Amino acid sequence: MHYITVDNAISIIQKLCQGCFLFKLDIKSAFPLYPSPSVSLGTLRHEMECLYYFHTVLPFGLWSAPYIFDQFSCMIEWIIKAILGILV
């Protein structure tokens, strides 16, 4: 997993020239869009007053969440580039 640096962002913006659209995503609000893998349901549960609660979406504080979400966002980027033909 890698994070983009400010220098990388500036370089990309300079290559795209004027008229390009920029946007920023709030990653914290995007995590609940990704469903929890069914394999992880056993580890994404807690019990309180004899009731079990399960995370059905990717929790923000999970240590592996950034890696899982990075894989998901790379897939979305590939779809945008390869299928839709939009340069990112």
PDB file of N, CA and C in Angstrom:
ATOM      1  N   MET A   1       0.837  -1.160   0.000  1.00  0.00           N
ATOM      2  CA  MET A   1       0.000   0.000   0.000  1.00  0.00           C
ATOM      3  C   MET A   1       0.888   1.232   0.000  1.00  0.00           C
ATOM      4  N   HIS A   2       0.463   2.241  -0.729  1.00  0.00           N
ATOM      5  CA  HIS A   2       1.234   3.478  -0.775  1.00  0.00           C
ATOM      6  C   HIS A   2       0.280   4.669  -0.710  1.00  0.00           C
ATOM      7  N   TYR A   3       0.778   5.724  -0.145  1.00  0.00           N
ATOM      8  CA  TYR A   3       0.003   6.952  -0.052  1.00  0.00           C
ATOM      9  C   TYR A   3       0.609   7.979  -0.993  1.00  0.00           C
ATOM     10  N   ILE A   4      -0.242   8.779  -1.594  1.00  0.00           N
ATOM     11  CA  ILE A   4       0.234   9.827  -2.480  1.00  0.00           C
ATOM     12  C   ILE A   4       0.781  10.974  -1.636  1.00  0.00           C
ATOM     13  N   THR A   5       1.868  11.560  -2.104  1.00  0.00           N
ATOM     14  CA  THR A   5       2.455  12.686  -1.388  1.00  0.00           C
ATOM     15  C   THR A   5       1.975  13.995  -2.020  1.00  0.00           C
ATOM     16  N   VAL A   6       2.214  15.077  -1.342  1.00  0.00           N
ATOM     17  CA  VAL A   6       1.851  16.387  -1.875  1.00  0.00           C
ATOM     18  C   VAL A   6       2.611  16.639  -3.181  1.00  0.00           C
ATOM     19  N   ASP A   7       3.876  16.246  -3.229  1.00  0.00           N
ATOM     20  CA  ASP A   7       4.666  16.424  -4.450  1.00  0.00           C
ATOM     21  C   ASP A   7       4.070  15.639  -5.619  1.00  0.00           C
ATOM     22  N   ASN A   8       3.600  14.402  -5.350  1.00  0.00           N
ATOM     23  CA  ASN A   8       2.945  13.617  -6.402  1.00  0.00           C
ATOM     24  C   ASN A   8       1.683  14.312  -6.894  1.00  0.00           C
ATOM     25  N   ALA A   9       0.894  14.820  -5.975  1.00  0.00           N
ATOM     26  CA  ALA A   9      -0.349  15.495  -6.347  1.00  0.00           C
ATOM     27  C   ALA A   9      -0.063  16.733  -7.191  1.00  0.00           C
ATOM     28  N   ILE A  10       0.920  17.517  -6.805  1.00  0.00           N
ATOM     29  CA  ILE A  10       1.273  18.722  -7.563  1.00  0.00           C
ATOM     30  C   ILE A  10       1.746  18.347  -8.966  1.00  0.00           C
ATOM     31  N   SER A  11       2.545  17.302  -9.061  1.00  0.00           N
ATOM     32  CA  SER A  11       3.039  16.848 -10.365  1.00  0.00           C
ATOM     33  C   SER A  11       1.885  16.425 -11.274  1.00  0.00           C
ATOM     34  N   ILE A  12       0.928  15.690 -10.738  1.00  0.00           N
ATOM     35  CA  ILE A  12      -0.226  15.240 -11.530  1.00  0.00           C
ATOM     36  C   ILE A  12      -1.051  16.433 -11.992  1.00  0.00           C
ATOM     37  N   ILE A  13      -1.271  17.387 -11.095  1.00  0.00           N
ATOM     38  CA  ILE A  13      -2.051  18.587 -11.437  1.00  0.00           C
ATOM     39  C   ILE A  13      -1.360  19.374 -12.538  1.00  0.00           C
ATOM     40  N   GLN A  14      -0.046  19.501 -12.473  1.00  0.00           N
ATOM     41  CA  GLN A  14       0.699  20.235 -13.499  1.00  0.00           C
ATOM     42  C   GLN A  14       0.615  19.533 -14.853  1.00  0.00           C
ATOM     43  N   LYS A  15       0.605  18.201 -14.864  1.00  0.00           N
ATOM     44  CA  LYS A  15       0.511  17.451 -16.121  1.00  0.00           C
ATOM     45  C   LYS A  15      -0.869  17.609 -16.760  1.00  0.00           C
ATOM     46  N   LEU A  16      -1.909  17.698 -15.943  1.00  0.00           N
ATOM     47  CA  LEU A  16      -3.269  17.782 -16.476  1.00  0.00           C
ATOM     48  C   LEU A  16      -3.623  19.169 -16.996  1.00  0.00           C
ATOM     49  N   CYS A  17      -2.843  20.172 -16.624  1.00  0.00           N
ATOM     50  CA  CYS A  17      -3.024  21.544 -17.091  1.00  0.00           C
ATOM     51  C   CYS A  17      -4.312  22.177 -16.560  1.00  0.00           C
ATOM     52  N   GLN A  18      -4.580  23.378 -17.080  1.00  0.00           N
ATOM     53  CA  GLN A  18      -5.763  24.113 -16.657  1.00  0.00           C
ATOM     54  C   GLN A  18      -7.022  23.428 -17.166  1.00  0.00           C
ATOM     55  N   GLY A  19      -8.085  23.620 -16.419  1.00  0.00           N
ATOM     56  CA  GLY A  19      -9.370  23.063 -16.825  1.00  0.00           C
ATOM     57  C   GLY A  19      -9.638  21.677 -16.272  1.00  0.00           C
ATOM     58  N   CYS A  20      -8.683  21.102 -15.562  1.00  0.00           N
ATOM     59  CA  CYS A  20      -8.928  19.780 -14.978  1.00  0.00           C
ATOM     60  C   CYS A  20      -9.785  19.949 -13.723  1.00  0.00           C
ATOM     61  N   PHE A  21     -10.494  18.911 -13.390  1.00  0.00           N
ATOM     62  CA  PHE A  21     -11.340  18.923 -12.203  1.00  0.00           C
ATOM     63  C   PHE A  21     -10.622  18.220 -11.062  1.00  0.00           C
ATOM     64  N   LEU A  22     -10.653  18.819  -9.899  1.00  0.00           N
ATOM     65  CA  LEU A  22     -10.059  18.225  -8.708  1.00  0.00           C
ATOM     66  C   LEU A  22     -11.166  17.953  -7.703  1.00  0.00           C
ATOM     67  N   PHE A  23     -11.024  16.882  -6.975  1.00  0.00           N
ATOM     68  CA  PHE A  23     -11.974  16.610  -5.908  1.00  0.00           C
ATOM     69  C   PHE A  23     -11.267  15.888  -4.785  1.00  0.00           C
ATOM     70  N   LYS A  24     -11.844  15.959  -3.626  1.00  0.00           N
ATOM     71  CA  LYS A  24     -11.293  15.316  -2.442  1.00  0.00           C
ATOM     72  C   LYS A  24     -12.378  14.444  -1.829  1.00  0.00           C
ATOM     73  N   LEU A  25     -12.000  13.275  -1.407  1.00  0.00           N
ATOM     74  CA  LEU A  25     -12.944  12.367  -0.765  1.00  0.00           C
ATOM     75  C   LEU A  25     -12.659  12.284   0.721  1.00  0.00           C
ATOM     76  N   ASP A  26     -13.698  12.225   1.482  1.00  0.00           N
ATOM     77  CA  ASP A  26     -13.553  11.973   2.906  1.00  0.00           C
ATOM     78  C   ASP A  26     -13.545  10.455   3.082  1.00  0.00           C
ATOM     79  N   ILE A  27     -12.363   9.891   3.250  1.00  0.00           N
ATOM     80  CA  ILE A  27     -12.221   8.435   3.307  1.00  0.00           C
ATOM     81  C   ILE A  27     -13.004   7.844   4.477  1.00  0.00           C
ATOM     82  N   LYS A  28     -13.065   8.547   5.587  1.00  0.00           N
ATOM     83  CA  LYS A  28     -13.786   8.023   6.743  1.00  0.00           C
ATOM     84  C   LYS A  28     -15.241   7.742   6.398  1.00  0.00           C
ATOM     85  N   SER A  29     -15.851   8.602   5.613  1.00  0.00           N
ATOM     86  CA  SER A  29     -17.248   8.378   5.249  1.00  0.00           C
ATOM     87  C   SER A  29     -17.375   7.328   4.146  1.00  0.00           C
ATOM     88  N   ALA A  30     -16.278   6.993   3.461  1.00  0.00           N
ATOM     89  CA  ALA A  30     -16.334   5.990   2.397  1.00  0.00           C
ATOM     90  C   ALA A  30     -16.194   4.572   2.937  1.00  0.00           C
ATOM     91  N   PHE A  31     -15.588   4.396   4.087  1.00  0.00           N
ATOM     92  CA  PHE A  31     -15.388   3.056   4.633  1.00  0.00           C
ATOM     93  C   PHE A  31     -16.703   2.287   4.797  1.00  0.00           C
ATOM     94  N   PRO A  32     -17.780   2.918   5.288  1.00  0.00           N
ATOM     95  CA  PRO A  32     -19.032   2.165   5.443  1.00  0.00           C
ATOM     96  C   PRO A  32     -19.650   1.705   4.129  1.00  0.00           C
ATOM     97  N   LEU A  33     -19.127   2.146   2.998  1.00  0.00           N
ATOM     98  CA  LEU A  33     -19.650   1.699   1.712  1.00  0.00           C
ATOM     99  C   LEU A  33     -19.144   0.314   1.345  1.00  0.00           C
ATOM    100  N   TYR A  34     -18.071  -0.120   1.981  1.00  0.00           N
ATOM    101  CA  TYR A  34     -17.457  -1.399   1.652  1.00  0.00           C
ATOM    102  C   TYR A  34     -17.951  -2.469   2.636  1.00  0.00           C
ATOM    103  N   PRO A  35     -18.643  -3.498   2.153  1.00  0.00           N
ATOM    104  CA  PRO A  35     -19.136  -4.536   3.073  1.00  0.00           C
ATOM    105  C   PRO A  35     -17.991  -5.343   3.687  1.00  0.00           C
ATOM    106  N   SER A  36     -18.168  -5.759   4.931  1.00  0.00           N
ATOM    107  CA  SER A  36     -17.162  -6.587   5.594  1.00  0.00           C
ATOM    108  C   SER A  36     -17.088  -7.936   4.910  1.00  0.00           C
ATOM    109  N   PRO A  37     -15.883  -8.444   4.700  1.00  0.00           N
ATOM    110  CA  PRO A  37     -15.774  -9.796   4.144  1.00  0.00           C
ATOM    111  C   PRO A  37     -16.426 -10.799   5.095  1.00  0.00           C
ATOM    112  N   SER A  38     -17.180 -11.736   4.554  1.00  0.00           N
ATOM    113  CA  SER A  38     -17.885 -12.704   5.406  1.00  0.00           C
ATOM    114  C   SER A  38     -16.914 -13.532   6.240  1.00  0.00           C
ATOM    115  N   VAL A  39     -15.687 -13.674   5.781  1.00  0.00           N
ATOM    116  CA  VAL A  39     -14.673 -14.418   6.529  1.00  0.00           C
ATOM    117  C   VAL A  39     -14.363 -13.716   7.850  1.00  0.00           C
ATOM    118  N   SER A  40     -14.459 -12.397   7.858  1.00  0.00           N
ATOM    119  CA  SER A  40     -14.088 -11.611   9.030  1.00  0.00           C
ATOM    120  C   SER A  40     -15.213 -11.437  10.043  1.00  0.00           C
ATOM    121  N   LEU A  41     -16.394 -11.941   9.742  1.00  0.00           N
ATOM    122  CA  LEU A  41     -17.521 -11.693  10.641  1.00  0.00           C
ATOM    123  C   LEU A  41     -17.263 -12.216  12.052  1.00  0.00           C
ATOM    124  N   GLY A  42     -16.514 -13.277  12.173  1.00  0.00           N
ATOM    125  CA  GLY A  42     -16.201 -13.793  13.504  1.00  0.00           C
ATOM    126  C   GLY A  42     -15.336 -12.842  14.310  1.00  0.00           C
ATOM    127  N   THR A  43     -14.475 -12.113  13.638  1.00  0.00           N
ATOM    128  CA  THR A  43     -13.593 -11.172  14.341  1.00  0.00           C
ATOM    129  C   THR A  43     -14.199  -9.780  14.450  1.00  0.00           C
ATOM    130  N   LEU A  44     -15.247  -9.524  13.700  1.00  0.00           N
ATOM    131  CA  LEU A  44     -15.877  -8.205  13.726  1.00  0.00           C
ATOM    132  C   LEU A  44     -17.185  -8.244  14.514  1.00  0.00           C
ATOM    133  N   ARG A  45     -17.148  -8.942  15.624  1.00  0.00           N
ATOM    134  CA  ARG A  45     -18.349  -9.021  16.452  1.00  0.00           C
ATOM    135  C   ARG A  45     -17.982  -8.692  17.889  1.00  0.00           C
ATOM    136  N   HIS A  46     -18.971  -8.278  18.627  1.00  0.00           N
ATOM    137  CA  HIS A  46     -18.780  -8.110  20.061  1.00  0.00           C
ATOM    138  C   HIS A  46     -20.089  -8.456  20.763  1.00  0.00           C
ATOM    139  N   GLU A  47     -19.959  -8.792  22.020  1.00  0.00           N
ATOM    140  CA  GLU A  47     -21.113  -9.218  22.808  1.00  0.00           C
ATOM    141  C   GLU A  47     -21.354  -8.205  23.920  1.00  0.00           C
ATOM    142  N   MET A  48     -22.623  -7.885  24.115  1.00  0.00           N
ATOM    143  CA  MET A  48     -22.993  -6.988  25.188  1.00  0.00           C
ATOM    144  C   MET A  48     -24.366  -7.407  25.693  1.00  0.00           C
ATOM    145  N   GLU A  49     -24.438  -7.679  26.981  1.00  0.00           N
ATOM    146  CA  GLU A  49     -25.687  -8.105  27.631  1.00  0.00           C
ATOM    147  C   GLU A  49     -26.309  -9.302  26.916  1.00  0.00           C
ATOM    148  N   CYS A  50     -25.478 -10.296  26.643  1.00  0.00           N
ATOM    149  CA  CYS A  50     -25.887 -11.563  26.011  1.00  0.00           C
ATOM    150  C   CYS A  50     -26.405 -11.394  24.585  1.00  0.00           C
ATOM    151  N   LEU A  51     -26.106 -10.299  23.951  1.00  0.00           N
ATOM    152  CA  LEU A  51     -26.468 -10.083  22.554  1.00  0.00           C
ATOM    153  C   LEU A  51     -25.196  -9.910  21.738  1.00  0.00           C
ATOM    154  N   TYR A  52     -25.200 -10.459  20.530  1.00  0.00           N
ATOM    155  CA  TYR A  52     -24.049 -10.343  19.638  1.00  0.00           C
ATOM    156  C   TYR A  52     -24.317  -9.259  18.608  1.00  0.00           C
ATOM    157  N   TYR A  53     -23.304  -8.433  18.374  1.00  0.00           N
ATOM    158  CA  TYR A  53     -23.377  -7.381  17.369  1.00  0.00           C
ATOM    159  C   TYR A  53     -22.273  -7.611  16.348  1.00  0.00           C
ATOM    160  N   PHE A  54     -22.610  -7.509  15.075  1.00  0.00           N
ATOM    161  CA  PHE A  54     -21.659  -7.751  13.994  1.00  0.00           C
ATOM    162  C   PHE A  54     -21.510  -6.493  13.143  1.00  0.00           C
ATOM    163  N   HIS A  55     -20.264  -6.212  12.762  1.00  0.00           N
ATOM    164  CA  HIS A  55     -20.030  -5.142  11.794  1.00  0.00           C
ATOM    165  C   HIS A  55     -20.331  -5.724  10.415  1.00  0.00           C
ATOM    166  N   THR A  56     -21.252  -5.128   9.707  1.00  0.00           N
ATOM    167  CA  THR A  56     -21.568  -5.604   8.357  1.00  0.00           C
ATOM    168  C   THR A  56     -20.859  -4.777   7.288  1.00  0.00           C
ATOM    169  N   VAL A  57     -20.245  -3.683   7.715  1.00  0.00           N
ATOM    170  CA  VAL A  57     -19.440  -2.867   6.807  1.00  0.00           C
ATOM    171  C   VAL A  57     -18.066  -2.683   7.429  1.00  0.00           C
ATOM    172  N   LEU A  58     -17.138  -2.228   6.648  1.00  0.00           N
ATOM    173  CA  LEU A  58     -15.756  -2.065   7.104  1.00  0.00           C
ATOM    174  C   LEU A  58     -15.668  -0.974   8.171  1.00  0.00           C
ATOM    175  N   PRO A  59     -15.285  -1.323   9.404  1.00  0.00           N
ATOM    176  CA  PRO A  59     -15.173  -0.290  10.440  1.00  0.00           C
ATOM    177  C   PRO A  59     -13.940   0.579  10.226  1.00  0.00           C
ATOM    178  N   PHE A  60     -14.063   1.855  10.523  1.00  0.00           N
ATOM    179  CA  PHE A  60     -12.981   2.801  10.264  1.00  0.00           C
ATOM    180  C   PHE A  60     -11.738   2.517  11.100  1.00  0.00           C
ATOM    181  N   GLY A  61     -11.873   2.087  12.342  1.00  0.00           N
ATOM    182  CA  GLY A  61     -10.729   1.906  13.220  1.00  0.00           C
ATOM    183  C   GLY A  61     -10.017   0.575  13.099  1.00  0.00           C
ATOM    184  N   LEU A  62     -10.467  -0.292  12.235  1.00  0.00           N
ATOM    185  CA  LEU A  62      -9.866  -1.615  12.066  1.00  0.00           C
ATOM    186  C   LEU A  62      -8.453  -1.477  11.501  1.00  0.00           C
ATOM    187  N   TRP A  63      -7.489  -2.207  12.078  1.00  0.00           N
ATOM    188  CA  TRP A  63      -6.088  -2.024  11.658  1.00  0.00           C
ATOM    189  C   TRP A  63      -5.868  -2.407  10.203  1.00  0.00           C
ATOM    190  N   SER A  64      -6.619  -3.354   9.671  1.00  0.00           N
ATOM    191  CA  SER A  64      -6.431  -3.764   8.271  1.00  0.00           C
ATOM    192  C   SER A  64      -7.342  -2.999   7.314  1.00  0.00           C
ATOM    193  N   ALA A  65      -8.192  -2.124   7.830  1.00  0.00           N
ATOM    194  CA  ALA A  65      -9.134  -1.392   6.978  1.00  0.00           C
ATOM    195  C   ALA A  65      -8.444  -0.554   5.898  1.00  0.00           C
ATOM    196  N   PRO A  66      -7.362   0.178   6.204  1.00  0.00           N
ATOM    197  CA  PRO A  66      -6.716   0.952   5.138  1.00  0.00           C
ATOM    198  C   PRO A  66      -6.229   0.076   3.981  1.00  0.00           C
ATOM    199  N   TYR A  67      -5.666  -1.096   4.292  1.00  0.00           N
ATOM    200  CA  TYR A  67      -5.186  -1.988   3.237  1.00  0.00           C
ATOM    201  C   TYR A  67      -6.359  -2.506   2.404  1.00  0.00           C
ATOM    202  N   ILE A  68      -7.415  -2.965   3.078  1.00  0.00           N
ATOM    203  CA  ILE A  68      -8.582  -3.493   2.366  1.00  0.00           C
ATOM    204  C   ILE A  68      -9.199  -2.410   1.496  1.00  0.00           C
ATOM    205  N   PHE A  69      -9.336  -1.208   2.050  1.00  0.00           N
ATOM    206  CA  PHE A  69      -9.942  -0.124   1.287  1.00  0.00           C
ATOM    207  C   PHE A  69      -9.044   0.303   0.139  1.00  0.00           C
ATOM    208  N   ASP A  70      -7.721   0.242   0.314  1.00  0.00           N
ATOM    209  CA  ASP A  70      -6.800   0.573  -0.772  1.00  0.00           C
ATOM    210  C   ASP A  70      -6.969  -0.399  -1.928  1.00  0.00           C
ATOM    211  N   GLN A  71      -7.119  -1.687  -1.626  1.00  0.00           N
ATOM    212  CA  GLN A  71      -7.348  -2.680  -2.674  1.00  0.00           C
ATOM    213  C   GLN A  71      -8.651  -2.390  -3.420  1.00  0.00           C
ATOM    214  N   PHE A  72      -9.677  -2.032  -2.671  1.00  0.00           N
ATOM    215  CA  PHE A  72     -10.975  -1.694  -3.253  1.00  0.00           C
ATOM    216  C   PHE A  72     -10.861  -0.452  -4.141  1.00  0.00           C
ATOM    217  N   SER A  73     -10.179   0.589  -3.667  1.00  0.00           N
ATOM    218  CA  SER A  73     -10.061   1.820  -4.457  1.00  0.00           C
ATOM    219  C   SER A  73      -9.201   1.609  -5.698  1.00  0.00           C
ATOM    220  N   CYS A  74      -8.200   0.726  -5.629  1.00  0.00           N
ATOM    221  CA  CYS A  74      -7.399   0.404  -6.820  1.00  0.00           C
ATOM    222  C   CYS A  74      -8.264  -0.283  -7.874  1.00  0.00           C
ATOM    223  N   MET A  75      -9.188  -1.131  -7.429  1.00  0.00           N
ATOM    224  CA  MET A  75     -10.097  -1.790  -8.355  1.00  0.00           C
ATOM    225  C   MET A  75     -11.004  -0.758  -9.033  1.00  0.00           C
ATOM    226  N   ILE A  76     -11.521   0.193  -8.249  1.00  0.00           N
ATOM    227  CA  ILE A  76     -12.369   1.243  -8.808  1.00  0.00           C
ATOM    228  C   ILE A  76     -11.581   2.073  -9.819  1.00  0.00           C
ATOM    229  N   GLU A  77     -10.331   2.396  -9.491  1.00  0.00           N
ATOM    230  CA  GLU A  77      -9.490   3.161 -10.419  1.00  0.00           C
ATOM    231  C   GLU A  77      -9.284   2.393 -11.718  1.00  0.00           C
ATOM    232  N   TRP A  78      -9.047   1.083 -11.623  1.00  0.00           N
ATOM    233  CA  TRP A  78      -8.852   0.266 -12.819  1.00  0.00           C
ATOM    234  C   TRP A  78     -10.109   0.272 -13.679  1.00  0.00           C
ATOM    235  N   ILE A  79     -11.276   0.144 -13.055  1.00  0.00           N
ATOM    236  CA  ILE A  79     -12.534   0.163 -13.807  1.00  0.00           C
ATOM    237  C   ILE A  79     -12.701   1.489 -14.532  1.00  0.00           C
ATOM    238  N   ILE A  80     -12.399   2.580 -13.827  1.00  0.00           N
ATOM    239  CA  ILE A  80     -12.538   3.909 -14.450  1.00  0.00           C
ATOM    240  C   ILE A  80     -11.601   4.030 -15.656  1.00  0.00           C
ATOM    241  N   LYS A  81     -10.377   3.543 -15.525  1.00  0.00           N
ATOM    242  CA  LYS A  81      -9.401   3.672 -16.609  1.00  0.00           C
ATOM    243  C   LYS A  81      -9.675   2.676 -17.754  1.00  0.00           C
ATOM    244  N   ALA A  82      -9.805   1.395 -17.403  1.00  0.00           N
ATOM    245  CA  ALA A  82      -9.866   0.345 -18.425  1.00  0.00           C
ATOM    246  C   ALA A  82     -11.247   0.222 -19.064  1.00  0.00           C
ATOM    247  N   ILE A  83     -12.284   0.265 -18.279  1.00  0.00           N
ATOM    248  CA  ILE A  83     -13.621   0.030 -18.809  1.00  0.00           C
ATOM    249  C   ILE A  83     -14.235   1.323 -19.355  1.00  0.00           C
ATOM    250  N   LEU A  84     -14.137   2.390 -18.566  1.00  0.00           N
ATOM    251  CA  LEU A  84     -14.760   3.647 -18.961  1.00  0.00           C
ATOM    252  C   LEU A  84     -13.870   4.519 -19.831  1.00  0.00           C
ATOM    253  N   GLY A  85     -12.571   4.229 -19.831  1.00  0.00           N
ATOM    254  CA  GLY A  85     -11.643   4.983 -20.668  1.00  0.00           C
ATOM    255  C   GLY A  85     -11.373   6.397 -20.187  1.00  0.00           C
ATOM    256  N   ILE A  86     -11.590   6.646 -18.904  1.00  0.00           N
ATOM    257  CA  ILE A  86     -11.356   7.974 -18.334  1.00  0.00           C
ATOM    258  C   ILE A  86      -9.957   8.000 -17.752  1.00  0.00           C
ATOM    259  N   LEU A  87      -9.175   9.001 -18.116  1.00  0.00           N
ATOM    260  CA  LEU A  87      -7.824   9.128 -17.566  1.00  0.00           C
ATOM    261  C   LEU A  87      -7.897   9.675 -16.166  1.00  0.00           C
ATOM    262  N   VAL A  88      -7.183   9.020 -15.256  1.00  0.00           N
ATOM    263  CA  VAL A  88      -7.156   9.458 -13.858  1.00  0.00           C
ATOM    264  C   VAL A  88      -5.780   9.942 -13.550  1.00  0.00           C
TER     265      VAL A  88
END
